């Protein structure tokens, strides 16, 4: 995945959606930050993300999403919006 640039709007999105760490840390893990924004973000937060990521980039982020962030509704919605009509199963945790 291509890296994200911490612009002021994306900083605000990271502060709201990944509240437990500074935006400078959140931006280092793009798939996780994207998952948080697509699940918990406002329309402004998603807009900040979409200035840097195309639909193809977001599909790649969905493919790389870590388990435990997306809820069922957000997972279904974003897969539909991005043209994945038969959404795959969401990422799950595996215990050994």
Protein backbone atom coordinates (compact mmCIF):
# COMPACT_ATOMS: atom_id res chain seq x y z
CA UNK A 1 0.00 0.00 0.00
CA UNK A 2 1.16 3.49 -0.68
CA UNK A 3 1.93 5.57 2.41
CA UNK A 4 -0.37 8.34 3.60
CA UNK A 5 0.75 11.94 4.12
CA UNK A 6 -0.28 13.53 7.41
CA UNK A 7 -2.14 16.58 6.10
CA UNK A 8 -4.11 18.74 8.56
CA UNK A 9 -7.48 17.14 7.62
CA UNK A 10 -6.02 13.62 7.90
CA UNK A 11 -4.45 14.58 11.24
CA UNK A 12 -7.91 15.55 12.55
CA UNK A 13 -9.36 12.29 11.23
CA UNK A 14 -6.61 10.26 12.92
CA UNK A 15 -7.10 12.14 16.19
CA UNK A 16 -10.83 11.33 16.15
CA UNK A 17 -10.69 7.77 14.84
CA UNK A 18 -7.50 6.44 16.44
CA UNK A 19 -7.86 8.25 19.76
CA UNK A 20 -5.45 6.03 21.66
CA UNK A 21 -2.24 7.11 19.90
CA UNK A 22 -0.82 10.24 18.27
CA UNK A 23 -1.55 10.78 14.56
CA UNK A 24 2.17 10.49 13.75
CA UNK A 25 2.07 6.90 15.02
CA UNK A 26 -1.31 6.05 13.48
CA UNK A 27 -0.22 7.11 9.99
CA UNK A 28 2.62 4.55 9.97
CA UNK A 29 0.11 1.69 9.69
CA UNK A 30 -2.02 2.76 6.71
CA UNK A 31 -4.31 -0.33 6.56
CA UNK A 32 -5.18 0.06 10.25
CA UNK A 33 -5.76 3.82 9.97
CA UNK A 34 -7.94 3.34 6.88
CA UNK A 35 -9.97 0.67 8.70
CA UNK A 36 -10.52 3.00 11.66
CA UNK A 37 -11.56 5.92 9.43
CA UNK A 38 -13.93 3.79 7.35
CA UNK A 39 -15.51 2.37 10.51
CA UNK A 40 -15.59 5.31 12.92
CA UNK A 41 -15.00 8.37 10.73
CA UNK A 42 -17.32 11.17 9.70
CA UNK A 43 -17.87 12.20 6.10
CA UNK A 44 -15.11 14.79 6.57
CA UNK A 45 -12.72 12.11 7.82
CA UNK A 46 -13.45 9.89 4.83
CA UNK A 47 -13.05 12.92 2.55
CA UNK A 48 -9.59 13.57 3.98
CA UNK A 49 -8.68 9.96 3.24
CA UNK A 50 -10.12 10.04 -0.27
CA UNK A 51 -7.96 13.01 -1.25
CA UNK A 52 -5.02 10.61 -1.11
CA UNK A 53 -6.52 7.20 -1.87
CA UNK A 54 -8.41 6.13 -4.98
CA UNK A 55 -11.05 3.41 -4.99
CA UNK A 56 -8.34 0.92 -5.95
CA UNK A 57 -6.21 2.02 -2.99
CA UNK A 58 -9.20 1.59 -0.66
CA UNK A 59 -9.91 -1.88 -2.05
CA UNK A 60 -6.29 -2.76 -1.31
CA UNK A 61 -6.71 -1.38 2.22
CA UNK A 62 -9.82 -3.52 2.74
CA UNK A 63 -7.85 -6.56 1.63
CA UNK A 64 -5.11 -5.71 4.16
CA UNK A 65 -7.42 -4.64 7.00
CA UNK A 66 -6.46 -6.00 10.41
CA UNK A 67 -9.05 -8.04 12.31
CA UNK A 68 -11.22 -6.54 15.01
CA UNK A 69 -11.76 -3.02 13.64
CA UNK A 70 -14.56 -3.25 11.07
CA UNK A 71 -18.07 -3.92 12.31
CA UNK A 72 -20.38 -5.94 10.05
CA UNK A 73 -22.28 -2.90 8.79
CA UNK A 74 -19.17 -0.87 7.86
CA UNK A 75 -17.56 -3.90 6.23
CA UNK A 76 -20.63 -4.57 4.07
CA UNK A 77 -21.07 -0.88 3.20
CA UNK A 78 -17.50 -0.20 2.08
CA UNK A 79 -17.25 -3.42 0.12
CA UNK A 80 -20.45 -2.46 -1.72
CA UNK A 81 -19.31 1.14 -2.33
CA UNK A 82 -15.98 -0.08 -3.70
CA UNK A 83 -17.54 -2.60 -6.07
CA UNK A 84 -16.98 -5.79 -4.13
CA UNK A 85 -20.61 -6.93 -4.34
CA UNK A 86 -20.00 -10.31 -2.84
CA UNK A 87 -18.03 -9.05 0.11
CA UNK A 88 -15.54 -11.56 1.45
CA UNK A 89 -15.70 -12.51 5.09
CA UNK A 90 -14.30 -9.78 7.31
CA UNK A 91 -10.83 -10.26 8.76
CA UNK A 92 -10.88 -12.50 11.82
CA UNK A 93 -8.48 -13.17 14.62
CA UNK A 94 -6.79 -16.51 14.68
CA UNK A 95 -5.70 -18.06 17.93
CA UNK A 96 -3.08 -20.75 17.96
